Amino acid sequence: MTKSMTGFGRGEYADDKRNVIVEIRTVNHRYADISVKMPKRYTFAEEKIKAVIKERIKRGKTDVSVIVETISEGDLEVRLNEPLARQYMEKLRELKDAGGLEGQIDIGLLSSMPDVLRAIPSVEDEDEVTSAICEASARAAAANEEMRAVEGEKLAEDLRMRGEIVRKLVDEIETRAPMVAAEYVDRMRERISELIGDAMEIPEERILTEAAIFADKSNITEELVRLDSHMKQLGQILEVTDEPVGKKLDFLVQEMNREANTIGSKANDIEITSRVLEIKSEIEKIREQIQNIE
């Protein structure tokens, strides 16, 4: 199945301790590049998260966002920053003495100062937390893959259509190509006749020799066969279901361009040149579409 590299997926997992939400956004990129944004206290799970995602996303720029909401007391721990509390107490005493102020420095005041008391998640079982995050990641990756598959099929359909357009143009060139040498001979005879008139007989052997040389230089049979073969391969590659095909298609489109350019340079015929320009236009559209295929 052809897959796009552009997609979005969201996955959630909840148990009696925490809710986990994972969002995955993917865009086109030459290689597999996974970036995970998550709270620092859960970074121990990052490599396993990436491994889960790589099972479904083989190529592209992947941005992963992980949110973990704790819902049980067992996941929370209150920590006291005693050195900071002592500094607050000393500074408050200095302020009281310097200003001749009244009032008591009590526990209520100290505990309300910033960062003296902090409630933070307590991660005691890393395997349990990793399993929860990976489950949400797997669900997000599956949703992302589903969206990319739908978009990928649309891309494949467009590529098949353009491949058939190119093959039709190749058929038209194959029909036209044999006429080019014959028309060249006729033009050459007319030109010689204009130059020498009836003063002497036109050297038929020389004309045929020149025609043979022209026919050899302008022969595009091999290029047409290879280009048609490339278009068949395009359809075959799009039917591959068990691996990413973007890089193969990228290489194939380079070969298409090579053959089209050679045909255009050898043809020496305005009608063939016109069709070659149409072929190159379609190949460029194919190239643009391929950039977004995994």
C-alpha atoms as a PDB file:
ATOM      1  CA  MET A   1       0.000   0.000   0.000  1.00  0.00           C
ATOM      2  CA  THR A   2       1.382   3.380  -1.018  1.00  0.00           C
ATOM      3  CA  LYS A   3       1.537   5.773   1.919  1.00  0.00           C
ATOM      4  CA  SER A   4       1.910   9.514   2.088  1.00  0.00           C
ATOM      5  CA  MET A   5       4.442  10.986   4.503  1.00  0.00           C
ATOM      6  CA  THR A   6       1.964  13.645   5.659  1.00  0.00           C
ATOM      7  CA  GLY A   7      -0.413  12.684   8.429  1.00  0.00           C
ATOM      8  CA  PHE A   8      -1.653  13.122  11.979  1.00  0.00           C
ATOM      9  CA  GLY A   9      -2.589  10.630  14.658  1.00  0.00           C
ATOM     10  CA  ARG A  10      -3.729  10.830  18.260  1.00  0.00           C
ATOM     11  CA  GLY A  11      -3.648   8.024  20.789  1.00  0.00           C
ATOM     12  CA  GLU A  12      -4.803   7.838  24.404  1.00  0.00           C
ATOM     13  CA  TYR A  13      -4.296   5.409  27.245  1.00  0.00           C
ATOM     14  CA  ALA A  14      -5.793   5.591  30.736  1.00  0.00           C
ATOM     15  CA  ASP A  15      -5.603   3.473  33.863  1.00  0.00           C
ATOM     16  CA  ASP A  16      -6.264   4.124  37.543  1.00  0.00           C
ATOM     17  CA  LYS A  17      -3.006   6.065  37.911  1.00  0.00           C
ATOM     18  CA  ARG A  18      -2.552   8.218  34.833  1.00  0.00           C
ATOM     19  CA  ASN A  19      -3.908   9.447  31.524  1.00  0.00           C
ATOM     20  CA  VAL A  20      -1.513   9.469  28.583  1.00  0.00           C
ATOM     21  CA  ILE A  21      -2.093  11.414  25.368  1.00  0.00           C
ATOM     22  CA  VAL A  22       0.255  11.078  22.383  1.00  0.00           C
ATOM     23  CA  GLU A  23      -0.009  13.082  19.172  1.00  0.00           C
ATOM     24  CA  ILE A  24       2.065  12.309  16.078  1.00  0.00           C
ATOM     25  CA  ARG A  25       2.490  14.662  13.144  1.00  0.00           C
ATOM     26  CA  THR A  26       4.439  13.614  10.067  1.00  0.00           C
ATOM     27  CA  VAL A  27       5.676  15.512   7.006  1.00  0.00           C
ATOM     28  CA  ASN A  28       7.861  14.581   4.065  1.00  0.00           C
ATOM     29  CA  HIS A  29      11.596  14.156   4.602  1.00  0.00           C
ATOM     30  CA  ARG A  30      14.329  12.226   2.810  1.00  0.00           C
ATOM     31  CA  TYR A  31      15.087  10.071   5.842  1.00  0.00           C
ATOM     32  CA  ALA A  32      13.418   8.789   9.031  1.00  0.00           C
ATOM     33  CA  ASP A  33      13.666  11.531  11.642  1.00  0.00           C
ATOM     34  CA  ILE A  34      11.699  11.146  14.889  1.00  0.00           C
ATOM     35  CA  SER A  35      11.602  13.933  17.469  1.00  0.00           C
ATOM     36  CA  VAL A  36       9.883  13.365  20.834  1.00  0.00           C
ATOM     37  CA  LYS A  37       8.659  16.216  23.033  1.00  0.00           C
ATOM     38  CA  MET A  38       7.823  15.048  26.539  1.00  0.00           C
ATOM     39  CA  PRO A  39       8.356  15.946  30.235  1.00  0.00           C
ATOM     40  CA  LYS A  40      11.974  15.397  31.285  1.00  0.00           C
ATOM     41  CA  ARG A  41      10.999  13.005  34.047  1.00  0.00           C
ATOM     42  CA  TYR A  42       9.773  10.513  31.460  1.00  0.00           C
ATOM     43  CA  THR A  43      12.742  10.623  29.090  1.00  0.00           C
ATOM     44  CA  PHE A  44      13.707   7.087  30.159  1.00  0.00           C
ATOM     45  CA  ALA A  45      10.901   5.925  27.856  1.00  0.00           C
ATOM     46  CA  GLU A  46      12.006   7.865  24.756  1.00  0.00           C
ATOM     47  CA  GLU A  47      13.896   5.127  22.909  1.00  0.00           C
ATOM     48  CA  LYS A  48      11.096   2.608  23.380  1.00  0.00           C
ATOM     49  CA  ILE A  49       8.575   5.180  22.159  1.00  0.00           C
ATOM     50  CA  LYS A  50      10.661   5.672  19.004  1.00  0.00           C
ATOM     51  CA  ALA A  51      10.903   1.919  18.491  1.00  0.00           C
ATOM     52  CA  VAL A  52       7.110   1.594  18.649  1.00  0.00           C
ATOM     53  CA  ILE A  53       6.652   4.407  16.138  1.00  0.00           C
ATOM     54  CA  LYS A  54       9.291   3.039  13.738  1.00  0.00           C
ATOM     55  CA  GLU A  55       7.220  -0.126  13.351  1.00  0.00           C
ATOM     56  CA  ARG A  56       4.646   1.916  11.416  1.00  0.00           C
ATOM     57  CA  ILE A  57       6.513   5.009  10.180  1.00  0.00           C
ATOM     58  CA  LYS A  58       9.563   4.184   8.059  1.00  0.00           C
ATOM     59  CA  ARG A  59      10.369   7.538   6.469  1.00  0.00           C
ATOM     60  CA  GLY A  60       9.618  11.221   7.020  1.00  0.00           C
ATOM     61  CA  LYS A  61       9.917  13.913   9.682  1.00  0.00           C
ATOM     62  CA  THR A  62       7.947  12.760  12.718  1.00  0.00           C
ATOM     63  CA  ASP A  63       7.092  15.048  15.636  1.00  0.00           C
ATOM     64  CA  VAL A  64       5.768  13.293  18.728  1.00  0.00           C
ATOM     65  CA  SER A  65       4.091  15.076  21.633  1.00  0.00           C
ATOM     66  CA  VAL A  66       3.573  13.181  24.908  1.00  0.00           C
ATOM     67  CA  ILE A  67       1.337  14.404  27.749  1.00  0.00           C
ATOM     68  CA  VAL A  68       1.044  12.446  30.996  1.00  0.00           C
ATOM     69  CA  GLU A  69      -1.620  13.442  33.523  1.00  0.00           C
ATOM     70  CA  THR A  70      -1.340  11.807  36.945  1.00  0.00           C
ATOM     71  CA  ILE A  71      -4.636  11.047  38.671  1.00  0.00           C
ATOM     72  CA  SER A  72      -3.618   9.061  41.757  1.00  0.00           C
ATOM     73  CA  GLU A  73      -1.888  10.106  44.946  1.00  0.00           C
ATOM     74  CA  GLY A  74       0.579   7.296  44.476  1.00  0.00           C
ATOM     75  CA  ASP A  75       2.045   9.109  41.529  1.00  0.00           C
ATOM     76  CA  LEU A  76       2.642  12.333  43.472  1.00  0.00           C
ATOM     77  CA  GLU A  77       5.366  13.275  45.909  1.00  0.00           C
ATOM     78  CA  VAL A  78       5.643  16.517  47.921  1.00  0.00           C
ATOM     79  CA  ARG A  79       9.226  17.717  48.259  1.00  0.00           C
ATOM     80  CA  LEU A  80      10.594  20.337  50.640  1.00  0.00           C
ATOM     81  CA  ASN A  81      13.388  22.621  49.525  1.00  0.00           C
ATOM     82  CA  GLU A  82      14.840  23.215  52.976  1.00  0.00           C
ATOM     83  CA  PRO A  83      17.868  25.345  51.943  1.00  0.00           C
ATOM     84  CA  LEU A  84      15.543  27.673  50.032  1.00  0.00           C
ATOM     85  CA  ALA A  85      13.159  27.897  53.011  1.00  0.00           C
ATOM     86  CA  ARG A  86      16.040  28.909  55.294  1.00  0.00           C
ATOM     87  CA  GLN A  87      17.082  31.638  52.842  1.00  0.00           C
ATOM     88  CA  TYR A  88      13.535  32.979  52.744  1.00  0.00           C
ATOM     89  CA  MET A  89      13.438  32.995  56.558  1.00  0.00           C
ATOM     90  CA  GLU A  90      16.766  34.848  56.863  1.00  0.00           C
ATOM     91  CA  LYS A  91      15.819  37.441  54.258  1.00  0.00           C
ATOM     92  CA  LEU A  92      12.426  38.032  55.859  1.00  0.00           C
ATOM     93  CA  ARG A  93      14.108  38.585  59.257  1.00  0.00           C
ATOM     94  CA  GLU A  94      16.550  41.050  57.687  1.00  0.00           C
ATOM     95  CA  LEU A  95      13.646  42.868  56.065  1.00  0.00           C
ATOM     96  CA  LYS A  96      11.722  42.962  59.356  1.00  0.00           C
ATOM     97  CA  ASP A  97      14.687  44.346  61.308  1.00  0.00           C
ATOM     98  CA  ALA A  98      15.686  46.875  58.640  1.00  0.00           C
ATOM     99  CA  GLY A  99      12.181  48.282  58.368  1.00  0.00           C
ATOM    100  CA  GLY A 100      11.167  47.992  61.987  1.00  0.00           C
ATOM    101  CA  LEU A 101       8.215  45.898  60.910  1.00  0.00           C
ATOM    102  CA  GLU A 102       5.883  43.867  63.074  1.00  0.00           C
ATOM    103  CA  GLY A 103       4.476  40.423  62.498  1.00  0.00           C
ATOM    104  CA  GLN A 104       5.615  36.818  62.781  1.00  0.00           C
ATOM    105  CA  ILE A 105       7.492  34.700  60.293  1.00  0.00           C
ATOM    106  CA  ASP A 106       5.480  31.517  60.653  1.00  0.00           C
ATOM    107  CA  ILE A 107       5.087  28.208  58.849  1.00  0.00           C
ATOM    108  CA  GLY A 108       2.128  29.478  56.831  1.00  0.00           C
ATOM    109  CA  LEU A 109       4.160  32.310  55.368  1.00  0.00           C
ATOM    110  CA  LEU A 110       7.206  30.170  54.599  1.00  0.00           C
ATOM    111  CA  SER A 111       5.222  27.351  52.995  1.00  0.00           C
ATOM    112  CA  SER A 112       3.556  29.836  50.660  1.00  0.00           C
ATOM    113  CA  MET A 113       6.844  31.115  49.249  1.00  0.00           C
ATOM    114  CA  PRO A 114       7.665  29.958  45.672  1.00  0.00           C
ATOM    115  CA  ASP A 115       9.267  26.520  45.319  1.00  0.00           C
ATOM    116  CA  VAL A 116       9.529  25.804  49.050  1.00  0.00           C
ATOM    117  CA  LEU A 117       7.019  22.976  48.714  1.00  0.00           C
ATOM    118  CA  ARG A 118       6.544  21.244  45.354  1.00  0.00           C
ATOM    119  CA  ALA A 119       4.224  18.418  44.360  1.00  0.00           C
ATOM    120  CA  ILE A 120       5.830  16.414  41.574  1.00  0.00           C
ATOM    121  CA  PRO A 121       5.041  13.076  39.975  1.00  0.00           C
ATOM    122  CA  SER A 122       6.851  10.185  41.571  1.00  0.00           C
ATOM    123  CA  VAL A 123       7.835   7.616  38.983  1.00  0.00           C
ATOM    124  CA  GLU A 124       8.515   4.459  40.923  1.00  0.00           C
ATOM    125  CA  ASP A 125       7.793   1.861  38.238  1.00  0.00           C
ATOM    126  CA  GLU A 126       9.489   2.946  35.009  1.00  0.00           C
ATOM    127  CA  ASP A 127       8.382  -0.194  33.149  1.00  0.00           C
ATOM    128  CA  GLU A 128       4.749   0.480  34.008  1.00  0.00           C
ATOM    129  CA  VAL A 129       4.934   4.104  32.873  1.00  0.00           C
ATOM    130  CA  THR A 130       6.850   3.149  29.711  1.00  0.00           C
ATOM    131  CA  SER A 131       4.215   0.555  28.867  1.00  0.00           C
ATOM    132  CA  ALA A 132       1.425   3.125  29.248  1.00  0.00           C
ATOM    133  CA  ILE A 133       3.167   5.705  27.056  1.00  0.00           C
ATOM    134  CA  CYS A 134       4.091   3.111  24.419  1.00  0.00           C
ATOM    135  CA  GLU A 135       0.482   1.917  24.259  1.00  0.00           C
ATOM    136  CA  ALA A 136      -0.731   5.468  23.581  1.00  0.00           C
ATOM    137  CA  SER A 137       2.109   5.914  21.064  1.00  0.00           C
ATOM    138  CA  ALA A 138       1.129   2.727  19.221  1.00  0.00           C
ATOM    139  CA  ARG A 139      -2.451   3.935  18.939  1.00  0.00           C
ATOM    140  CA  ALA A 140      -1.323   7.351  17.689  1.00  0.00           C
ATOM    141  CA  ALA A 141       1.014   5.741  15.137  1.00  0.00           C
ATOM    142  CA  ALA A 142      -1.818   3.492  13.907  1.00  0.00           C
ATOM    143  CA  ALA A 143      -4.126   6.486  13.463  1.00  0.00           C
ATOM    144  CA  ASN A 144      -1.356   8.370  11.686  1.00  0.00           C
ATOM    145  CA  GLU A 145      -0.710   5.406   9.381  1.00  0.00           C
ATOM    146  CA  GLU A 146      -4.392   5.148   8.518  1.00  0.00           C
ATOM    147  CA  MET A 147      -4.500   8.790   7.449  1.00  0.00           C
ATOM    148  CA  ARG A 148      -1.289   8.410   5.437  1.00  0.00           C
ATOM    149  CA  ALA A 149      -2.644   5.309   3.699  1.00  0.00           C
ATOM    150  CA  VAL A 150      -5.774   7.159   2.568  1.00  0.00           C
ATOM    151  CA  GLU A 151      -3.687  10.062   1.235  1.00  0.00           C
ATOM    152  CA  GLY A 152      -1.173   7.626  -0.264  1.00  0.00           C
ATOM    153  CA  GLU A 153      -3.843   5.876  -2.310  1.00  0.00           C
ATOM    154  CA  LYS A 154      -4.904   9.220  -3.764  1.00  0.00           C
ATOM    155  CA  LEU A 155      -1.283   9.913  -4.710  1.00  0.00           C
ATOM    156  CA  ALA A 156      -0.937   6.447  -6.265  1.00  0.00           C
ATOM    157  CA  GLU A 157      -4.084   6.947  -8.330  1.00  0.00           C
ATOM    158  CA  ASP A 158      -2.744  10.251  -9.651  1.00  0.00           C
ATOM    159  CA  LEU A 159       0.626   8.680 -10.476  1.00  0.00           C
ATOM    160  CA  ARG A 160      -0.992   5.810 -12.373  1.00  0.00           C
ATOM    161  CA  MET A 161      -3.034   8.278 -14.380  1.00  0.00           C
ATOM    162  CA  ARG A 162       0.043  10.318 -15.288  1.00  0.00           C
ATOM    163  CA  GLY A 163       1.948   7.150 -16.144  1.00  0.00           C
ATOM    164  CA  GLU A 164      -0.758   6.242 -18.667  1.00  0.00           C
ATOM    165  CA  ILE A 165      -0.579   9.733 -20.167  1.00  0.00           C
ATOM    166  CA  VAL A 166       3.164   9.309 -20.706  1.00  0.00           C
ATOM    167  CA  ARG A 167       2.710   5.861 -22.254  1.00  0.00           C
ATOM    168  CA  LYS A 168       0.127   7.269 -24.662  1.00  0.00           C
ATOM    169  CA  LEU A 169       2.561  10.012 -25.682  1.00  0.00           C
ATOM    170  CA  VAL A 170       5.296   7.401 -26.152  1.00  0.00           C
ATOM    171  CA  ASP A 171       2.976   5.466 -28.490  1.00  0.00           C
ATOM    172  CA  GLU A 172       2.374   8.641 -30.497  1.00  0.00           C
ATOM    173  CA  ILE A 173       6.114   9.253 -30.800  1.00  0.00           C
ATOM    174  CA  GLU A 174       6.688   5.638 -31.889  1.00  0.00           C
ATOM    175  CA  THR A 175       4.118   6.144 -34.641  1.00  0.00           C
ATOM    176  CA  ARG A 176       5.692   9.412 -35.728  1.00  0.00           C
ATOM    177  CA  ALA A 177       9.380   8.394 -35.533  1.00  0.00           C
ATOM    178  CA  PRO A 178       9.599   6.300 -38.772  1.00  0.00           C
ATOM    179  CA  MET A 179       8.245   9.231 -40.784  1.00  0.00           C
ATOM    180  CA  VAL A 180      11.026  11.586 -39.701  1.00  0.00           C
ATOM    181  CA  ALA A 181      13.801  10.051 -41.847  1.00  0.00           C
ATOM    182  CA  ALA A 182      11.544   9.834 -44.928  1.00  0.00           C
ATOM    183  CA  GLU A 183      10.561  13.482 -44.576  1.00  0.00           C
ATOM    184  CA  TYR A 184      14.231  14.377 -44.153  1.00  0.00           C
ATOM    185  CA  VAL A 185      15.024  12.711 -47.501  1.00  0.00           C
ATOM    186  CA  ASP A 186      12.214  14.618 -49.216  1.00  0.00           C
ATOM    187  CA  ARG A 187      13.391  17.935 -47.785  1.00  0.00           C
ATOM    188  CA  MET A 188      16.954  17.208 -48.805  1.00  0.00           C
ATOM    189  CA  ARG A 189      15.906  16.424 -52.375  1.00  0.00           C
ATOM    190  CA  GLU A 190      13.871  19.627 -52.539  1.00  0.00           C
ATOM    191  CA  ARG A 191      16.787  21.660 -51.207  1.00  0.00           C
ATOM    192  CA  ILE A 192      19.263  20.176 -53.676  1.00  0.00           C
ATOM    193  CA  SER A 193      16.821  20.754 -56.522  1.00  0.00           C
ATOM    194  CA  GLU A 194      16.463  24.393 -55.475  1.00  0.00           C
ATOM    195  CA  LEU A 195      20.223  24.807 -55.462  1.00  0.00           C
ATOM    196  CA  ILE A 196      21.206  23.060 -58.703  1.00  0.00           C
ATOM    197  CA  GLY A 197      17.925  22.876 -60.608  1.00  0.00           C
ATOM    198  CA  ASP A 198      18.163  20.667 -63.677  1.00  0.00           C
ATOM    199  CA  ALA A 199      21.857  21.352 -64.229  1.00  0.00           C
ATOM    200  CA  MET A 200      22.823  17.887 -63.046  1.00  0.00           C
ATOM    201  CA  GLU A 201      21.317  14.666 -61.802  1.00  0.00           C
ATOM    202  CA  ILE A 202      20.651  14.441 -58.077  1.00  0.00           C
ATOM    203  CA  PRO A 203      23.136  11.929 -56.591  1.00  0.00           C
ATOM    204  CA  GLU A 204      20.686   9.344 -55.210  1.00  0.00           C
ATOM    205  CA  GLU A 205      23.384   7.223 -53.565  1.00  0.00           C
ATOM    206  CA  ARG A 206      24.677  10.249 -51.673  1.00  0.00           C
ATOM    207  CA  ILE A 207      21.168  11.154 -50.577  1.00  0.00           C
ATOM    208  CA  LEU A 208      20.537   7.655 -49.265  1.00  0.00           C
ATOM    209  CA  THR A 209      23.855   7.704 -47.416  1.00  0.00           C
ATOM    210  CA  GLU A 210      22.984  10.991 -45.733  1.00  0.00           C
ATOM    211  CA  ALA A 211      19.525   9.666 -44.940  1.00  0.00           C
ATOM    212  CA  ALA A 212      21.034   6.567 -43.308  1.00  0.00           C
ATOM    213  CA  ILE A 213      23.380   8.706 -41.200  1.00  0.00           C
ATOM    214  CA  PHE A 214      20.478  10.937 -40.144  1.00  0.00           C
ATOM    215  CA  ALA A 215      18.285   7.933 -39.334  1.00  0.00           C
ATOM    216  CA  ASP A 216      21.016   6.435 -37.172  1.00  0.00           C
ATOM    217  CA  LYS A 217      21.662   9.673 -35.254  1.00  0.00           C
ATOM    218  CA  SER A 218      17.967  10.318 -34.699  1.00  0.00           C
ATOM    219  CA  ASN A 219      17.017   6.758 -33.820  1.00  0.00           C
ATOM    220  CA  ILE A 220      15.113   6.837 -30.512  1.00  0.00           C
ATOM    221  CA  THR A 221      13.771   3.281 -30.436  1.00  0.00           C
ATOM    222  CA  GLU A 222      15.826   2.180 -27.418  1.00  0.00           C
ATOM    223  CA  GLU A 223      14.940   5.292 -25.442  1.00  0.00           C
ATOM    224  CA  LEU A 224      11.237   4.848 -26.175  1.00  0.00           C
ATOM    225  CA  VAL A 225      11.352   1.192 -25.102  1.00  0.00           C
ATOM    226  CA  ARG A 226      13.141   2.078 -21.850  1.00  0.00           C
ATOM    227  CA  LEU A 227      10.791   4.963 -21.082  1.00  0.00           C
ATOM    228  CA  ASP A 228       7.758   2.748 -21.644  1.00  0.00           C
ATOM    229  CA  SER A 229       9.363   0.135 -19.390  1.00  0.00           C
ATOM    230  CA  HIS A 230       9.882   2.758 -16.676  1.00  0.00           C
ATOM    231  CA  MET A 231       6.205   3.660 -16.779  1.00  0.00           C
ATOM    232  CA  LYS A 232       5.283  -0.021 -16.372  1.00  0.00           C
ATOM    233  CA  GLN A 233       7.666  -0.235 -13.403  1.00  0.00           C
ATOM    234  CA  LEU A 234       5.945   2.791 -11.903  1.00  0.00           C
ATOM    235  CA  GLY A 235       2.671   0.876 -11.785  1.00  0.00           C
ATOM    236  CA  GLN A 236       4.357  -2.257 -10.431  1.00  0.00           C
ATOM    237  CA  ILE A 237       6.124  -0.387  -7.624  1.00  0.00           C
ATOM    238  CA  LEU A 238       2.873   1.269  -6.588  1.00  0.00           C
ATOM    239  CA  GLU A 239       1.426  -2.215  -5.989  1.00  0.00           C
ATOM    240  CA  VAL A 240       4.132  -3.094  -3.432  1.00  0.00           C
ATOM    241  CA  THR A 241       2.503  -3.473  -0.005  1.00  0.00           C
ATOM    242  CA  ASP A 242       5.232  -4.614   2.389  1.00  0.00           C
ATOM    243  CA  GLU A 243       7.821  -1.818   2.226  1.00  0.00           C
ATOM    244  CA  PRO A 244       8.252   1.933   1.610  1.00  0.00           C
ATOM    245  CA  VAL A 245       8.576   2.735  -2.101  1.00  0.00           C
ATOM    246  CA  GLY A 246       9.383   6.458  -2.109  1.00  0.00           C
ATOM    247  CA  LYS A 247      13.134   6.082  -2.660  1.00  0.00           C
ATOM    248  CA  LYS A 248      12.619   3.559  -5.471  1.00  0.00           C
ATOM    249  CA  LEU A 249      10.196   5.921  -7.186  1.00  0.00           C
ATOM    250  CA  ASP A 250      12.604   8.819  -6.737  1.00  0.00           C
ATOM    251  CA  PHE A 251      15.340   6.875  -8.535  1.00  0.00           C
ATOM    252  CA  LEU A 252      12.918   5.738 -11.237  1.00  0.00           C
ATOM    253  CA  VAL A 253      11.787   9.274 -12.030  1.00  0.00           C
ATOM    254  CA  GLN A 254      15.426  10.264 -12.561  1.00  0.00           C
ATOM    255  CA  GLU A 255      15.705   7.546 -15.189  1.00  0.00           C
ATOM    256  CA  MET A 256      12.469   8.749 -16.811  1.00  0.00           C
ATOM    257  CA  ASN A 257      13.911  12.240 -17.119  1.00  0.00           C
ATOM    258  CA  ARG A 258      17.128  10.870 -18.600  1.00  0.00           C
ATOM    259  CA  GLU A 259      15.295   9.011 -21.373  1.00  0.00           C
ATOM    260  CA  ALA A 260      12.965  11.939 -22.101  1.00  0.00           C
ATOM    261  CA  ASN A 261      15.899  14.328 -22.434  1.00  0.00           C
ATOM    262  CA  THR A 262      17.715  11.959 -24.794  1.00  0.00           C
ATOM    263  CA  ILE A 263      14.629  11.538 -26.971  1.00  0.00           C
ATOM    264  CA  GLY A 264      14.228  15.298 -27.164  1.00  0.00           C
ATOM    265  CA  SER A 265      17.852  15.865 -28.148  1.00  0.00           C
ATOM    266  CA  LYS A 266      17.869  13.148 -30.850  1.00  0.00           C
ATOM    267  CA  ALA A 267      14.431  13.547 -32.384  1.00  0.00           C
ATOM    268  CA  ASN A 268      15.015  16.470 -34.807  1.00  0.00           C
ATOM    269  CA  ASP A 269      11.276  16.766 -35.332  1.00  0.00           C
ATOM    270  CA  ILE A 270       8.944  19.449 -34.073  1.00  0.00           C
ATOM    271  CA  GLU A 271       6.021  17.090 -33.507  1.00  0.00           C
ATOM    272  CA  ILE A 272       8.124  14.697 -31.444  1.00  0.00           C
ATOM    273  CA  THR A 273       9.666  17.614 -29.557  1.00  0.00           C
ATOM    274  CA  SER A 274       6.189  18.853 -28.710  1.00  0.00           C
ATOM    275  CA  ARG A 275       5.246  15.475 -27.245  1.00  0.00           C
ATOM    276  CA  VAL A 276       8.534  15.237 -25.375  1.00  0.00           C
ATOM    277  CA  LEU A 277       7.734  18.541 -23.675  1.00  0.00           C
ATOM    278  CA  GLU A 278       4.389  17.101 -22.612  1.00  0.00           C
ATOM    279  CA  ILE A 279       6.144  13.992 -21.301  1.00  0.00           C
ATOM    280  CA  LYS A 280       8.618  16.072 -19.309  1.00  0.00           C
ATOM    281  CA  SER A 281       5.755  18.088 -17.839  1.00  0.00           C
ATOM    282  CA  GLU A 282       4.045  14.908 -16.660  1.00  0.00           C
ATOM    283  CA  ILE A 283       7.308  13.486 -15.288  1.00  0.00           C
ATOM    284  CA  GLU A 284       7.850  16.667 -13.290  1.00  0.00           C
ATOM    285  CA  LYS A 285       4.346  16.315 -11.816  1.00  0.00           C
ATOM    286  CA  ILE A 286       5.164  12.705 -10.980  1.00  0.00           C
ATOM    287  CA  ARG A 287       8.401  13.814  -9.314  1.00  0.00           C
ATOM    288  CA  GLU A 288       6.553  16.374  -7.183  1.00  0.00           C
ATOM    289  CA  GLN A 289       4.032  13.788  -6.014  1.00  0.00           C
ATOM    290  CA  ILE A 290       6.721  11.224  -5.236  1.00  0.00           C
ATOM    291  CA  GLN A 291       8.387  13.632  -2.797  1.00  0.00           C
ATOM    292  CA  ASN A 292       5.520  12.975  -0.388  1.00  0.00           C
ATOM    293  CA  ILE A 293       5.485   9.182  -0.633  1.00  0.00           C
ATOM    294  CA  GLU A 294       7.001   7.120   2.172  1.00  0.00           C
END
